[in-house]
Amino acid sequence: MSALSKADLAEFLSDAIGLSKRESKDLVEAFFDEISAALVSNADVRLSGFGNFTTRDKAPRPGRNPKTGEEIPITARRVVSFRAGQKLRHRVEAVIDGRDVATDWMTDDDHDDD
Protein backbone atom coordinates (compact mmCIF):
# COMPACT_ATOMS: atom_id res chain seq x y z
CA MET A 1 0.00 0.00 0.00
CA SER A 2 1.45 3.38 -0.97
CA ALA A 3 0.82 6.83 0.45
CA LEU A 4 -0.43 9.91 -1.38
CA SER A 5 1.97 12.83 -0.96
CA LYS A 6 1.65 16.58 -1.51
CA ALA A 7 3.86 16.14 -4.59
CA ASP A 8 1.39 13.54 -5.92
CA LEU A 9 -1.50 15.97 -5.38
CA ALA A 10 0.38 18.75 -7.16
CA GLU A 11 1.14 16.47 -10.09
CA PHE A 12 -2.51 15.40 -10.28
CA LEU A 13 -3.66 19.05 -10.32
CA SER A 14 -1.14 19.87 -13.00
CA ASP A 15 -2.34 17.02 -15.20
CA ALA A 16 -6.07 17.36 -14.45
CA ILE A 17 -6.59 21.10 -14.82
CA GLY A 18 -3.55 22.24 -16.75
CA LEU A 19 -1.74 24.21 -14.09
CA SER A 20 2.02 24.44 -14.29
CA LYS A 21 3.95 22.24 -11.87
CA ARG A 22 4.89 25.36 -9.88
CA GLU A 23 1.30 26.65 -9.72
CA SER A 24 0.07 23.21 -8.66
CA LYS A 25 2.67 22.95 -5.90
CA ASP A 26 1.83 26.47 -4.68
CA LEU A 27 -1.91 25.66 -4.68
CA VAL A 28 -1.41 22.49 -2.64
CA GLU A 29 0.85 24.33 -0.17
CA ALA A 30 -1.66 27.19 0.17
CA PHE A 31 -4.49 24.71 0.77
CA PHE A 32 -2.66 22.95 3.60
CA ASP A 33 -1.35 26.24 5.04
CA GLU A 34 -4.95 27.49 5.29
CA ILE A 35 -6.11 24.29 7.02
CA SER A 36 -3.14 24.46 9.41
CA ALA A 37 -3.76 28.12 10.23
CA ALA A 38 -7.42 27.44 10.99
CA LEU A 39 -6.55 24.55 13.30
CA VAL A 40 -3.82 26.55 15.06
CA SER A 41 -6.40 29.27 15.76
CA ASN A 42 -8.70 26.58 17.20
CA ALA A 43 -11.21 26.76 14.32
CA ASP A 44 -12.84 23.63 12.92
CA VAL A 45 -12.23 22.75 9.27
CA ARG A 46 -15.26 21.30 7.48
CA LEU A 47 -14.73 19.91 3.99
CA SER A 48 -18.14 18.93 2.65
CA GLY A 49 -18.16 15.40 1.27
CA PHE A 50 -14.76 14.66 2.79
CA GLY A 51 -14.75 15.22 6.54
CA ASN A 52 -14.07 17.48 9.49
CA PHE A 53 -10.85 18.39 11.28
CA THR A 54 -11.24 19.58 14.87
CA THR A 55 -8.91 20.34 17.74
CA ARG A 56 -9.42 19.34 21.33
CA ASP A 57 -7.48 19.71 24.53
CA LYS A 58 -6.33 16.60 26.34
CA ALA A 59 -5.80 16.77 30.08
CA PRO A 60 -2.57 15.64 31.70
CA ARG A 61 -2.60 12.01 32.75
CA PRO A 62 -0.32 9.42 34.24
CA GLY A 63 1.55 7.18 31.82
CA ARG A 64 3.92 4.30 32.23
CA ASN A 65 7.26 3.42 30.65
CA PRO A 66 6.57 0.00 29.09
CA LYS A 67 10.15 -1.20 29.62
CA THR A 68 10.64 -0.19 33.23
CA GLY A 69 7.09 0.16 34.49
CA GLU A 70 8.05 3.56 35.88
CA GLU A 71 5.17 6.03 36.07
CA ILE A 72 5.71 9.05 33.85
CA PRO A 73 3.40 12.08 33.66
CA ILE A 74 1.98 12.83 30.22
CA THR A 75 1.52 16.58 29.85
CA ALA A 76 -1.62 18.37 28.70
CA ARG A 77 -1.73 18.98 24.99
CA ARG A 78 -3.92 19.98 22.08
CA VAL A 79 -4.56 17.34 19.41
CA VAL A 80 -6.12 17.37 15.95
CA SER A 81 -8.76 14.80 15.14
CA PHE A 82 -10.38 13.93 11.82
CA ARG A 83 -13.85 12.51 11.29
CA ALA A 84 -14.54 11.26 7.80
CA GLY A 85 -17.72 12.50 6.16
CA GLN A 86 -20.48 10.16 5.08
CA LYS A 87 -19.52 10.21 1.40
CA LEU A 88 -15.90 9.36 2.14
CA ARG A 89 -16.90 6.60 4.57
CA HIS A 90 -19.25 5.07 2.00
CA ARG A 91 -16.59 5.21 -0.68
CA VAL A 92 -14.03 3.49 1.54
CA GLU A 93 -16.57 0.87 2.65
CA ALA A 94 -17.50 0.19 -0.99
CA VAL A 95 -13.99 -1.12 -1.62
CA ILE A 96 -14.68 -3.90 0.88
CA ASP A 97 -18.10 -4.59 -0.64
CA GLY A 98 -16.67 -4.70 -4.17
CA ARG A 99 -18.87 -1.86 -5.41
CA ASP A 100 -17.52 0.55 -8.01
CA VAL A 101 -18.05 4.05 -6.66
CA ALA A 102 -14.93 5.68 -8.02
CA THR A 103 -16.62 8.95 -8.96
CA ASP A 104 -20.13 8.67 -7.50
CA TRP A 105 -19.14 10.49 -4.32
CA MET A 106 -17.87 13.51 -6.29
CA THR A 107 -21.16 14.09 -8.10
CA ASP A 108 -23.61 13.31 -5.31
CA ASP A 109 -25.72 16.36 -4.41
CA ASP A 110 -26.19 15.22 -0.80
CA HIS A 111 -23.85 17.26 1.39
CA ASP A 112 -24.38 15.53 4.74
CA ASP A 113 -21.08 14.82 6.47
CA ASP A 114 -22.50 12.85 9.37
C-alpha atoms as a PDB file:
ATOM      1  CA  MET A   1       0.000   0.000   0.000  1.00  0.00           C
ATOM      2  CA  SER A   2       1.451   3.377  -0.965  1.00  0.00           C
ATOM      3  CA  ALA A   3       0.823   6.828   0.447  1.00  0.00           C
ATOM      4  CA  LEU A   4      -0.428   9.911  -1.383  1.00  0.00           C
ATOM      5  CA  SER A   5       1.966  12.832  -0.957  1.00  0.00           C
ATOM      6  CA  LYS A   6       1.655  16.577  -1.512  1.00  0.00           C
ATOM      7  CA  ALA A   7       3.862  16.138  -4.588  1.00  0.00           C
ATOM      8  CA  ASP A   8       1.392  13.544  -5.922  1.00  0.00           C
ATOM      9  CA  LEU A   9      -1.499  15.965  -5.377  1.00  0.00           C
ATOM     10  CA  ALA A  10       0.383  18.752  -7.157  1.00  0.00           C
ATOM     11  CA  GLU A  11       1.142  16.466 -10.095  1.00  0.00           C
ATOM     12  CA  PHE A  12      -2.510  15.401 -10.285  1.00  0.00           C
ATOM     13  CA  LEU A  13      -3.657  19.047 -10.324  1.00  0.00           C
ATOM     14  CA  SER A  14      -1.136  19.873 -13.002  1.00  0.00           C
ATOM     15  CA  ASP A  15      -2.345  17.016 -15.203  1.00  0.00           C
ATOM     16  CA  ALA A  16      -6.066  17.360 -14.449  1.00  0.00           C
ATOM     17  CA  ILE A  17      -6.590  21.096 -14.820  1.00  0.00           C
ATOM     18  CA  GLY A  18      -3.555  22.236 -16.754  1.00  0.00           C
ATOM     19  CA  LEU A  19      -1.744  24.213 -14.092  1.00  0.00           C
ATOM     20  CA  SER A  20       2.025  24.444 -14.292  1.00  0.00           C
ATOM     21  CA  LYS A  21       3.947  22.240 -11.867  1.00  0.00           C
ATOM     22  CA  ARG A  22       4.895  25.355  -9.879  1.00  0.00           C
ATOM     23  CA  GLU A  23       1.305  26.650  -9.715  1.00  0.00           C
ATOM     24  CA  SER A  24       0.074  23.215  -8.656  1.00  0.00           C
ATOM     25  CA  LYS A  25       2.668  22.953  -5.898  1.00  0.00           C
ATOM     26  CA  ASP A  26       1.826  26.474  -4.678  1.00  0.00           C
ATOM     27  CA  LEU A  27      -1.906  25.665  -4.684  1.00  0.00           C
ATOM     28  CA  VAL A  28      -1.412  22.492  -2.636  1.00  0.00           C
ATOM     29  CA  GLU A  29       0.855  24.331  -0.172  1.00  0.00           C
ATOM     30  CA  ALA A  30      -1.657  27.189   0.174  1.00  0.00           C
ATOM     31  CA  PHE A  31      -4.491  24.708   0.774  1.00  0.00           C
ATOM     32  CA  PHE A  32      -2.655  22.953   3.601  1.00  0.00           C
ATOM     33  CA  ASP A  33      -1.349  26.241   5.036  1.00  0.00           C
ATOM     34  CA  GLU A  34      -4.951  27.487   5.289  1.00  0.00           C
ATOM     35  CA  ILE A  35      -6.107  24.293   7.019  1.00  0.00           C
ATOM     36  CA  SER A  36      -3.142  24.455   9.409  1.00  0.00           C
ATOM     37  CA  ALA A  37      -3.760  28.124  10.226  1.00  0.00           C
ATOM     38  CA  ALA A  38      -7.415  27.436  10.985  1.00  0.00           C
ATOM     39  CA  LEU A  39      -6.549  24.549  13.299  1.00  0.00           C
ATOM     40  CA  VAL A  40      -3.819  26.553  15.062  1.00  0.00           C
ATOM     41  CA  SER A  41      -6.399  29.272  15.756  1.00  0.00           C
ATOM     42  CA  ASN A  42      -8.699  26.583  17.202  1.00  0.00           C
ATOM     43  CA  ALA A  43     -11.210  26.756  14.319  1.00  0.00           C
ATOM     44  CA  ASP A  44     -12.839  23.625  12.918  1.00  0.00           C
ATOM     45  CA  VAL A  45     -12.227  22.749   9.267  1.00  0.00           C
ATOM     46  CA  ARG A  46     -15.264  21.295   7.484  1.00  0.00           C
ATOM     47  CA  LEU A  47     -14.728  19.909   3.990  1.00  0.00           C
ATOM     48  CA  SER A  48     -18.138  18.928   2.655  1.00  0.00           C
ATOM     49  CA  GLY A  49     -18.155  15.404   1.268  1.00  0.00           C
ATOM     50  CA  PHE A  50     -14.757  14.660   2.786  1.00  0.00           C
ATOM     51  CA  GLY A  51     -14.746  15.218   6.539  1.00  0.00           C
ATOM     52  CA  ASN A  52     -14.073  17.484   9.493  1.00  0.00           C
ATOM     53  CA  PHE A  53     -10.854  18.389  11.278  1.00  0.00           C
ATOM     54  CA  THR A  54     -11.238  19.577  14.868  1.00  0.00           C
ATOM     55  CA  THR A  55      -8.907  20.345  17.743  1.00  0.00           C
ATOM     56  CA  ARG A  56      -9.421  19.342  21.329  1.00  0.00           C
ATOM     57  CA  ASP A  57      -7.477  19.711  24.528  1.00  0.00           C
ATOM     58  CA  LYS A  58      -6.327  16.604  26.343  1.00  0.00           C
ATOM     59  CA  ALA A  59      -5.801  16.771  30.079  1.00  0.00           C
ATOM     60  CA  PRO A  60      -2.571  15.635  31.701  1.00  0.00           C
ATOM     61  CA  ARG A  61      -2.604  12.011  32.752  1.00  0.00           C
ATOM     62  CA  PRO A  62      -0.321   9.420  34.243  1.00  0.00           C
ATOM     63  CA  GLY A  63       1.545   7.182  31.821  1.00  0.00           C
ATOM     64  CA  ARG A  64       3.916   4.298  32.231  1.00  0.00           C
ATOM     65  CA  ASN A  65       7.258   3.425  30.651  1.00  0.00           C
ATOM     66  CA  PRO A  66       6.568  -0.001  29.094  1.00  0.00           C
ATOM     67  CA  LYS A  67      10.155  -1.196  29.617  1.00  0.00           C
ATOM     68  CA  THR A  68      10.645  -0.192  33.233  1.00  0.00           C
ATOM     69  CA  GLY A  69       7.090   0.157  34.490  1.00  0.00           C
ATOM     70  CA  GLU A  70       8.053   3.559  35.875  1.00  0.00           C
ATOM     71  CA  GLU A  71       5.170   6.030  36.075  1.00  0.00           C
ATOM     72  CA  ILE A  72       5.713   9.054  33.855  1.00  0.00           C
ATOM     73  CA  PRO A  73       3.399  12.078  33.663  1.00  0.00           C
ATOM     74  CA  ILE A  74       1.975  12.833  30.216  1.00  0.00           C
ATOM     75  CA  THR A  75       1.517  16.582  29.853  1.00  0.00           C
ATOM     76  CA  ALA A  76      -1.625  18.365  28.704  1.00  0.00           C
ATOM     77  CA  ARG A  77      -1.730  18.981  24.990  1.00  0.00           C
ATOM     78  CA  ARG A  78      -3.924  19.976  22.078  1.00  0.00           C
ATOM     79  CA  VAL A  79      -4.563  17.340  19.415  1.00  0.00           C
ATOM     80  CA  VAL A  80      -6.116  17.366  15.952  1.00  0.00           C
ATOM     81  CA  SER A  81      -8.764  14.801  15.140  1.00  0.00           C
ATOM     82  CA  PHE A  82     -10.383  13.931  11.825  1.00  0.00           C
ATOM     83  CA  ARG A  83     -13.849  12.511  11.289  1.00  0.00           C
ATOM     84  CA  ALA A  84     -14.539  11.255   7.799  1.00  0.00           C
ATOM     85  CA  GLY A  85     -17.723  12.499   6.159  1.00  0.00           C
ATOM     86  CA  GLN A  86     -20.482  10.157   5.077  1.00  0.00           C
ATOM     87  CA  LYS A  87     -19.517  10.210   1.395  1.00  0.00           C
ATOM     88  CA  LEU A  88     -15.897   9.363   2.139  1.00  0.00           C
ATOM     89  CA  ARG A  89     -16.897   6.602   4.573  1.00  0.00           C
ATOM     90  CA  HIS A  90     -19.250   5.074   2.003  1.00  0.00           C
ATOM     91  CA  ARG A  91     -16.589   5.205  -0.681  1.00  0.00           C
ATOM     92  CA  VAL A  92     -14.025   3.486   1.542  1.00  0.00           C
ATOM     93  CA  GLU A  93     -16.569   0.872   2.649  1.00  0.00           C
ATOM     94  CA  ALA A  94     -17.499   0.192  -0.991  1.00  0.00           C
ATOM     95  CA  VAL A  95     -13.991  -1.124  -1.622  1.00  0.00           C
ATOM     96  CA  ILE A  96     -14.685  -3.900   0.877  1.00  0.00           C
ATOM     97  CA  ASP A  97     -18.101  -4.591  -0.644  1.00  0.00           C
ATOM     98  CA  GLY A  98     -16.665  -4.701  -4.165  1.00  0.00           C
ATOM     99  CA  ARG A  99     -18.870  -1.858  -5.411  1.00  0.00           C
ATOM    100  CA  ASP A 100     -17.518   0.552  -8.010  1.00  0.00           C
ATOM    101  CA  VAL A 101     -18.049   4.052  -6.655  1.00  0.00           C
ATOM    102  CA  ALA A 102     -14.928   5.683  -8.023  1.00  0.00           C
ATOM    103  CA  THR A 103     -16.624   8.951  -8.963  1.00  0.00           C
ATOM    104  CA  ASP A 104     -20.127   8.673  -7.497  1.00  0.00           C
ATOM    105  CA  TRP A 105     -19.136  10.495  -4.316  1.00  0.00           C
ATOM    106  CA  MET A 106     -17.871  13.507  -6.291  1.00  0.00           C
ATOM    107  CA  THR A 107     -21.157  14.094  -8.103  1.00  0.00           C
ATOM    108  CA  ASP A 108     -23.609  13.314  -5.308  1.00  0.00           C
ATOM    109  CA  ASP A 109     -25.715  16.365  -4.406  1.00  0.00           C
ATOM    110  CA  ASP A 110     -26.193  15.217  -0.802  1.00  0.00           C
ATOM    111  CA  HIS A 111     -23.847  17.262   1.394  1.00  0.00           C
ATOM    112  CA  ASP A 112     -24.380  15.529   4.745  1.00  0.00           C
ATOM    113  CA  ASP A 113     -21.082  14.822   6.473  1.00  0.00           C
ATOM    114  CA  ASP A 114     -22.500  12.853   9.368  1.00  0.00           C
END
